[in-house]
Amino acid sequence: MAKIKVTQVKSKIGATSRQKKTLEALGLKRLNVTVEHEATPQILGMVDKVKHLLSVEK
């Protein structure tokens, strides 16, 4: 399965509580932190919900 690298590039201060929980579930707790995940439909759906706060590399 393909892997993706997800980096938080914007602050979560103005985000809703649901978006904050999604970021935490992805393993992103601070700005400029990069995590690597499998490109499963569940992960891609989570990334899509907070795409305005993230940078994604394949």
C-alpha atoms as a PDB file:
ATOM      1  CA  MET A   1       0.000   0.000   0.000  1.00  0.00           C
ATOM      2  CA  ALA A   2       1.169   3.543  -0.730  1.00  0.00           C
ATOM      3  CA  LYS A   3       2.429   5.792   2.021  1.00  0.00           C
ATOM      4  CA  ILE A   4       1.750   9.499   2.444  1.00  0.00           C
ATOM      5  CA  LYS A   5       3.602  12.109   4.503  1.00  0.00           C
ATOM      6  CA  VAL A   6       1.356  14.577   6.291  1.00  0.00           C
ATOM      7  CA  THR A   7       2.720  17.830   7.749  1.00  0.00           C
ATOM      8  CA  GLN A   8       0.763  20.363   9.789  1.00  0.00           C
ATOM      9  CA  VAL A   9       1.524  23.798   8.304  1.00  0.00           C
ATOM     10  CA  LYS A  10      -1.198  25.950   9.899  1.00  0.00           C
ATOM     11  CA  SER A  11      -2.212  26.397  13.507  1.00  0.00           C
ATOM     12  CA  LYS A  12      -5.240  24.636  14.932  1.00  0.00           C
ATOM     13  CA  ILE A  13      -6.196  27.618  17.099  1.00  0.00           C
ATOM     14  CA  GLY A  14      -9.185  28.664  14.969  1.00  0.00           C
ATOM     15  CA  ALA A  15     -10.257  25.107  14.158  1.00  0.00           C
ATOM     16  CA  THR A  16     -13.337  23.388  15.521  1.00  0.00           C
ATOM     17  CA  SER A  17     -12.972  20.820  18.285  1.00  0.00           C
ATOM     18  CA  ARG A  18     -13.765  18.058  15.779  1.00  0.00           C
ATOM     19  CA  GLN A  19     -10.918  19.195  13.512  1.00  0.00           C
ATOM     20  CA  LYS A  20      -8.554  19.344  16.499  1.00  0.00           C
ATOM     21  CA  LYS A  21      -9.443  15.764  17.382  1.00  0.00           C
ATOM     22  CA  THR A  22      -8.838  14.704  13.779  1.00  0.00           C
ATOM     23  CA  LEU A  23      -5.366  16.276  13.847  1.00  0.00           C
ATOM     24  CA  GLU A  24      -4.579  14.480  17.102  1.00  0.00           C
ATOM     25  CA  ALA A  25      -5.839  11.183  15.661  1.00  0.00           C
ATOM     26  CA  LEU A  26      -3.441  11.677  12.737  1.00  0.00           C
ATOM     27  CA  GLY A  27      -0.595  12.120  15.239  1.00  0.00           C
ATOM     28  CA  LEU A  28      -0.126  15.854  14.676  1.00  0.00           C
ATOM     29  CA  LYS A  29       0.311  17.786  17.913  1.00  0.00           C
ATOM     30  CA  ARG A  30       2.464  20.758  16.851  1.00  0.00           C
ATOM     31  CA  LEU A  31       3.204  22.838  13.785  1.00  0.00           C
ATOM     32  CA  ASN A  32       5.744  21.503  11.283  1.00  0.00           C
ATOM     33  CA  VAL A  33       5.463  17.939  12.588  1.00  0.00           C
ATOM     34  CA  THR A  34       5.492  15.289   9.869  1.00  0.00           C
ATOM     35  CA  VAL A  35       3.974  11.831  10.200  1.00  0.00           C
ATOM     36  CA  GLU A  36       3.819   8.983   7.720  1.00  0.00           C
ATOM     37  CA  HIS A  37       0.664   6.924   7.207  1.00  0.00           C
ATOM     38  CA  GLU A  38      -0.611   4.232   4.877  1.00  0.00           C
ATOM     39  CA  ALA A  39      -2.931   5.707   2.233  1.00  0.00           C
ATOM     40  CA  THR A  40      -6.067   3.909   3.414  1.00  0.00           C
ATOM     41  CA  PRO A  41      -9.550   5.336   2.735  1.00  0.00           C
ATOM     42  CA  GLN A  42      -9.925   6.147   6.447  1.00  0.00           C
ATOM     43  CA  ILE A  43      -6.692   8.152   6.607  1.00  0.00           C
ATOM     44  CA  LEU A  44      -7.413   9.926   3.309  1.00  0.00           C
ATOM     45  CA  GLY A  45     -10.858  10.910   4.612  1.00  0.00           C
ATOM     46  CA  MET A  46      -9.322  12.347   7.777  1.00  0.00           C
ATOM     47  CA  VAL A  47      -6.763  14.271   5.735  1.00  0.00           C
ATOM     48  CA  ASP A  48      -9.528  15.636   3.492  1.00  0.00           C
ATOM     49  CA  LYS A  49     -11.416  17.025   6.512  1.00  0.00           C
ATOM     50  CA  VAL A  50      -8.443  19.134   7.653  1.00  0.00           C
ATOM     51  CA  LYS A  51      -6.684  19.691   4.319  1.00  0.00           C
ATOM     52  CA  HIS A  52      -6.632  23.466   4.879  1.00  0.00           C
ATOM     53  CA  LEU A  53      -4.237  22.915   7.805  1.00  0.00           C
ATOM     54  CA  LEU A  54      -1.992  20.296   6.182  1.00  0.00           C
ATOM     55  CA  SER A  55       0.557  19.670   3.480  1.00  0.00           C
ATOM     56  CA  VAL A  56       0.477  16.170   1.938  1.00  0.00           C
ATOM     57  CA  GLU A  57       3.252  14.402   0.015  1.00  0.00           C
ATOM     58  CA  LYS A  58       2.944  11.016  -1.654  1.00  0.00           C
END
